[in-house]
Amino acid sequence: MIIYDLACTAGHRFEACLGSMFDPNPDCGCGASTSRVPSRLNLGGAANAGPGRDDMPTTWHGTGQGDPATLKAWHGAMTKRERLEERYPELAGDRRPILAHEGAFAGRPLRAGDDLVPTVAKAAFGKEES
């Protein structure tokens, strides 16, 4: 069902649910014919998935030296994020373990499951294995 804003030729405005965008417009309660009008535009809102795993503190100082309120807040935020990632797996990103992340792999870490020989050859020598 799609909700459309409609206006009749007599000036009345109302909403109606239609099964498809190809369905004809319903008549107004006054009997006049109707046409679809643009809905209001909402400029104030924005979608935000909240903090991700990369935003989570990784040091003792980042957690406020183990501050219980900070730890509880981060635990709640990450629990909420896990539920969101279960519904929308594309938000989870690449969760494979990182095998190497320094030196030649600083720009793109080597992850478990990567094809090892071409990845190492490209990182170490700047070209694909031949």
C-alpha atoms as a PDB file:
ATOM      1  CA  MET A   1       0.000   0.000   0.000  1.00  0.00           C
ATOM      2  CA  ILE A   2       1.219   3.484  -0.886  1.00  0.00           C
ATOM      3  CA  ILE A   3      -0.060   6.610   0.856  1.00  0.00           C
ATOM      4  CA  TYR A   4      -0.684   9.515  -1.526  1.00  0.00           C
ATOM      5  CA  ASP A   5      -1.637  13.122  -0.836  1.00  0.00           C
ATOM      6  CA  LEU A   6      -4.595  14.105  -2.990  1.00  0.00           C
ATOM      7  CA  ALA A   7      -6.431  17.330  -3.762  1.00  0.00           C
ATOM      8  CA  CYS A   8      -9.837  17.638  -5.364  1.00  0.00           C
ATOM      9  CA  THR A   9     -10.981  20.313  -7.789  1.00  0.00           C
ATOM     10  CA  ALA A  10     -13.071  21.861  -4.986  1.00  0.00           C
ATOM     11  CA  GLY A  11      -9.924  22.477  -2.922  1.00  0.00           C
ATOM     12  CA  HIS A  12     -10.133  19.675  -0.355  1.00  0.00           C
ATOM     13  CA  ARG A  13      -6.889  17.888   0.565  1.00  0.00           C
ATOM     14  CA  PHE A  14      -6.651  14.366   1.979  1.00  0.00           C
ATOM     15  CA  GLU A  15      -4.550  11.203   2.017  1.00  0.00           C
ATOM     16  CA  ALA A  16      -5.483   7.877   0.449  1.00  0.00           C
ATOM     17  CA  CYS A  17      -3.887   4.433   0.398  1.00  0.00           C
ATOM     18  CA  LEU A  18      -3.550   2.892  -3.050  1.00  0.00           C
ATOM     19  CA  GLY A  19      -2.375  -0.621  -3.864  1.00  0.00           C
ATOM     20  CA  SER A  20      -0.073   0.513  -6.664  1.00  0.00           C
ATOM     21  CA  MET A  21       1.134   3.680  -8.329  1.00  0.00           C
ATOM     22  CA  PHE A  22      -0.930   2.695 -11.366  1.00  0.00           C
ATOM     23  CA  ASP A  23      -4.263   2.614  -9.499  1.00  0.00           C
ATOM     24  CA  PRO A  24      -6.676   5.421 -10.373  1.00  0.00           C
ATOM     25  CA  ASN A  25      -7.134   8.260  -7.895  1.00  0.00           C
ATOM     26  CA  PRO A  26     -10.199   7.895  -5.674  1.00  0.00           C
ATOM     27  CA  ASP A  27     -12.877  10.587  -5.808  1.00  0.00           C
ATOM     28  CA  CYS A  28     -13.142  13.095  -2.969  1.00  0.00           C
ATOM     29  CA  GLY A  29     -15.873  12.777  -0.346  1.00  0.00           C
ATOM     30  CA  CYS A  30     -17.609  15.729  -2.021  1.00  0.00           C
ATOM     31  CA  GLY A  31     -17.716  13.802  -5.315  1.00  0.00           C
ATOM     32  CA  ALA A  32     -15.130  15.923  -7.176  1.00  0.00           C
ATOM     33  CA  SER A  33     -12.264  14.371  -9.121  1.00  0.00           C
ATOM     34  CA  THR A  34      -8.807  14.359  -7.541  1.00  0.00           C
ATOM     35  CA  SER A  35      -5.163  14.635  -8.504  1.00  0.00           C
ATOM     36  CA  ARG A  36      -1.997  13.662  -6.662  1.00  0.00           C
ATOM     37  CA  VAL A  37      -0.026  16.462  -5.048  1.00  0.00           C
ATOM     38  CA  PRO A  38       3.548  16.449  -3.714  1.00  0.00           C
ATOM     39  CA  SER A  39       3.899  15.551  -0.062  1.00  0.00           C
ATOM     40  CA  ARG A  40       5.535  17.942   2.347  1.00  0.00           C
ATOM     41  CA  LEU A  41       9.298  18.003   2.267  1.00  0.00           C
ATOM     42  CA  ASN A  42      11.179  17.156   5.469  1.00  0.00           C
ATOM     43  CA  LEU A  43      14.564  18.870   5.474  1.00  0.00           C
ATOM     44  CA  GLY A  44      15.401  18.497   9.162  1.00  0.00           C
ATOM     45  CA  GLY A  45      15.926  14.753   9.546  1.00  0.00           C
ATOM     46  CA  ALA A  46      18.820  12.531   8.598  1.00  0.00           C
ATOM     47  CA  ALA A  47      19.419   8.821   8.940  1.00  0.00           C
ATOM     48  CA  ASN A  48      22.160   7.825  11.353  1.00  0.00           C
ATOM     49  CA  ALA A  49      23.188   4.269  12.223  1.00  0.00           C
ATOM     50  CA  GLY A  50      25.020   5.451  15.336  1.00  0.00           C
ATOM     51  CA  PRO A  51      28.583   4.601  16.323  1.00  0.00           C
ATOM     52  CA  GLY A  52      30.195   1.571  14.714  1.00  0.00           C
ATOM     53  CA  ARG A  53      32.814  -0.871  15.915  1.00  0.00           C
ATOM     54  CA  ASP A  54      35.614   1.387  14.662  1.00  0.00           C
ATOM     55  CA  ASP A  55      34.355   4.205  16.910  1.00  0.00           C
ATOM     56  CA  MET A  56      34.472   2.073  20.051  1.00  0.00           C
ATOM     57  CA  PRO A  57      37.305   2.897  22.496  1.00  0.00           C
ATOM     58  CA  THR A  58      40.203   0.453  22.371  1.00  0.00           C
ATOM     59  CA  THR A  59      42.318   1.706  25.286  1.00  0.00           C
ATOM     60  CA  TRP A  60      41.959   2.048  29.029  1.00  0.00           C
ATOM     61  CA  HIS A  61      42.060   5.842  28.692  1.00  0.00           C
ATOM     62  CA  GLY A  62      39.411   5.712  25.966  1.00  0.00           C
ATOM     63  CA  THR A  63      36.985   4.136  28.434  1.00  0.00           C
ATOM     64  CA  GLY A  64      37.562   6.900  30.982  1.00  0.00           C
ATOM     65  CA  GLN A  65      39.912   4.588  32.890  1.00  0.00           C
ATOM     66  CA  GLY A  66      37.196   1.991  33.282  1.00  0.00           C
ATOM     67  CA  ASP A  67      34.442   4.447  34.231  1.00  0.00           C
ATOM     68  CA  PRO A  68      31.313   2.298  34.842  1.00  0.00           C
ATOM     69  CA  ALA A  69      28.977   4.845  33.228  1.00  0.00           C
ATOM     70  CA  THR A  70      31.157   5.047  30.091  1.00  0.00           C
ATOM     71  CA  LEU A  71      31.409   1.259  29.851  1.00  0.00           C
ATOM     72  CA  LYS A  72      27.652   0.872  30.311  1.00  0.00           C
ATOM     73  CA  ALA A  73      26.957   3.500  27.629  1.00  0.00           C
ATOM     74  CA  TRP A  74      29.298   1.817  25.138  1.00  0.00           C
ATOM     75  CA  HIS A  75      27.882  -1.623  25.944  1.00  0.00           C
ATOM     76  CA  GLY A  76      24.357  -0.336  25.256  1.00  0.00           C
ATOM     77  CA  ALA A  77      25.428   1.377  22.032  1.00  0.00           C
ATOM     78  CA  MET A  78      27.218  -1.728  20.728  1.00  0.00           C
ATOM     79  CA  THR A  79      24.323  -4.026  21.674  1.00  0.00           C
ATOM     80  CA  LYS A  80      21.997  -1.726  19.729  1.00  0.00           C
ATOM     81  CA  ARG A  81      24.461  -1.723  16.803  1.00  0.00           C
ATOM     82  CA  GLU A  82      24.630  -5.557  16.787  1.00  0.00           C
ATOM     83  CA  ARG A  83      20.844  -5.775  16.531  1.00  0.00           C
ATOM     84  CA  LEU A  84      20.921  -3.254  13.668  1.00  0.00           C
ATOM     85  CA  GLU A  85      23.649  -5.228  11.845  1.00  0.00           C
ATOM     86  CA  GLU A  86      21.609  -8.431  12.213  1.00  0.00           C
ATOM     87  CA  ARG A  87      18.745  -6.755  10.353  1.00  0.00           C
ATOM     88  CA  TYR A  88      21.004  -4.932   7.861  1.00  0.00           C
ATOM     89  CA  PRO A  89      24.181  -7.025   7.270  1.00  0.00           C
ATOM     90  CA  GLU A  90      25.579  -4.453   4.835  1.00  0.00           C
ATOM     91  CA  LEU A  91      26.272  -2.174   7.821  1.00  0.00           C
ATOM     92  CA  ALA A  92      28.533  -4.767   9.478  1.00  0.00           C
ATOM     93  CA  GLY A  93      31.359  -4.368   6.988  1.00  0.00           C
ATOM     94  CA  ASP A  94      34.193  -6.880   6.692  1.00  0.00           C
ATOM     95  CA  ARG A  95      34.409  -8.728  10.021  1.00  0.00           C
ATOM     96  CA  ARG A  96      37.059 -11.261   9.004  1.00  0.00           C
ATOM     97  CA  PRO A  97      40.128 -11.393  11.273  1.00  0.00           C
ATOM     98  CA  ILE A  98      43.085  -9.209  10.249  1.00  0.00           C
ATOM     99  CA  LEU A  99      46.304 -11.170   9.710  1.00  0.00           C
ATOM    100  CA  ALA A 100      48.634  -8.267   8.851  1.00  0.00           C
ATOM    101  CA  HIS A 101      48.104  -4.526   9.096  1.00  0.00           C
ATOM    102  CA  GLU A 102      51.590  -2.968   9.181  1.00  0.00           C
ATOM    103  CA  GLY A 103      54.204  -2.161   6.569  1.00  0.00           C
ATOM    104  CA  ALA A 104      53.034  -3.098   3.095  1.00  0.00           C
ATOM    105  CA  PHE A 105      49.544  -3.809   4.461  1.00  0.00           C
ATOM    106  CA  ALA A 106      49.043  -0.438   6.188  1.00  0.00           C
ATOM    107  CA  GLY A 107      46.707   0.826   3.449  1.00  0.00           C
ATOM    108  CA  ARG A 108      44.716  -2.385   3.087  1.00  0.00           C
ATOM    109  CA  PRO A 109      45.084  -5.054   5.770  1.00  0.00           C
ATOM    110  CA  LEU A 110      45.520  -8.707   4.911  1.00  0.00           C
ATOM    111  CA  ARG A 111      42.425 -10.557   6.132  1.00  0.00           C
ATOM    112  CA  ALA A 112      41.643 -14.220   6.683  1.00  0.00           C
ATOM    113  CA  GLY A 113      40.260 -15.677   3.466  1.00  0.00           C
ATOM    114  CA  ASP A 114      42.171 -13.333   1.122  1.00  0.00           C
ATOM    115  CA  ASP A 115      44.016 -15.081  -1.703  1.00  0.00           C
ATOM    116  CA  LEU A 116      47.438 -15.009  -0.090  1.00  0.00           C
ATOM    117  CA  VAL A 117      49.935 -15.210  -2.980  1.00  0.00           C
ATOM    118  CA  PRO A 118      48.575 -12.400  -5.224  1.00  0.00           C
ATOM    119  CA  THR A 119      47.765 -10.187  -2.230  1.00  0.00           C
ATOM    120  CA  VAL A 120      51.262 -10.502  -0.766  1.00  0.00           C
ATOM    121  CA  ALA A 121      52.894 -10.073  -4.200  1.00  0.00           C
ATOM    122  CA  LYS A 122      50.923  -6.900  -4.867  1.00  0.00           C
ATOM    123  CA  ALA A 123      51.633  -5.484  -1.400  1.00  0.00           C
ATOM    124  CA  ALA A 124      55.327  -6.366  -1.397  1.00  0.00           C
ATOM    125  CA  PHE A 125      56.259  -5.753  -5.030  1.00  0.00           C
ATOM    126  CA  GLY A 126      53.496  -3.470  -6.288  1.00  0.00           C
ATOM    127  CA  LYS A 127      52.312  -5.878  -8.993  1.00  0.00           C
ATOM    128  CA  GLU A 128      50.201  -8.973  -9.436  1.00  0.00           C
ATOM    129  CA  GLU A 129      51.906 -12.368  -9.449  1.00  0.00           C
ATOM    130  CA  SER A 130      52.593 -13.592 -12.989  1.00  0.00           C
END
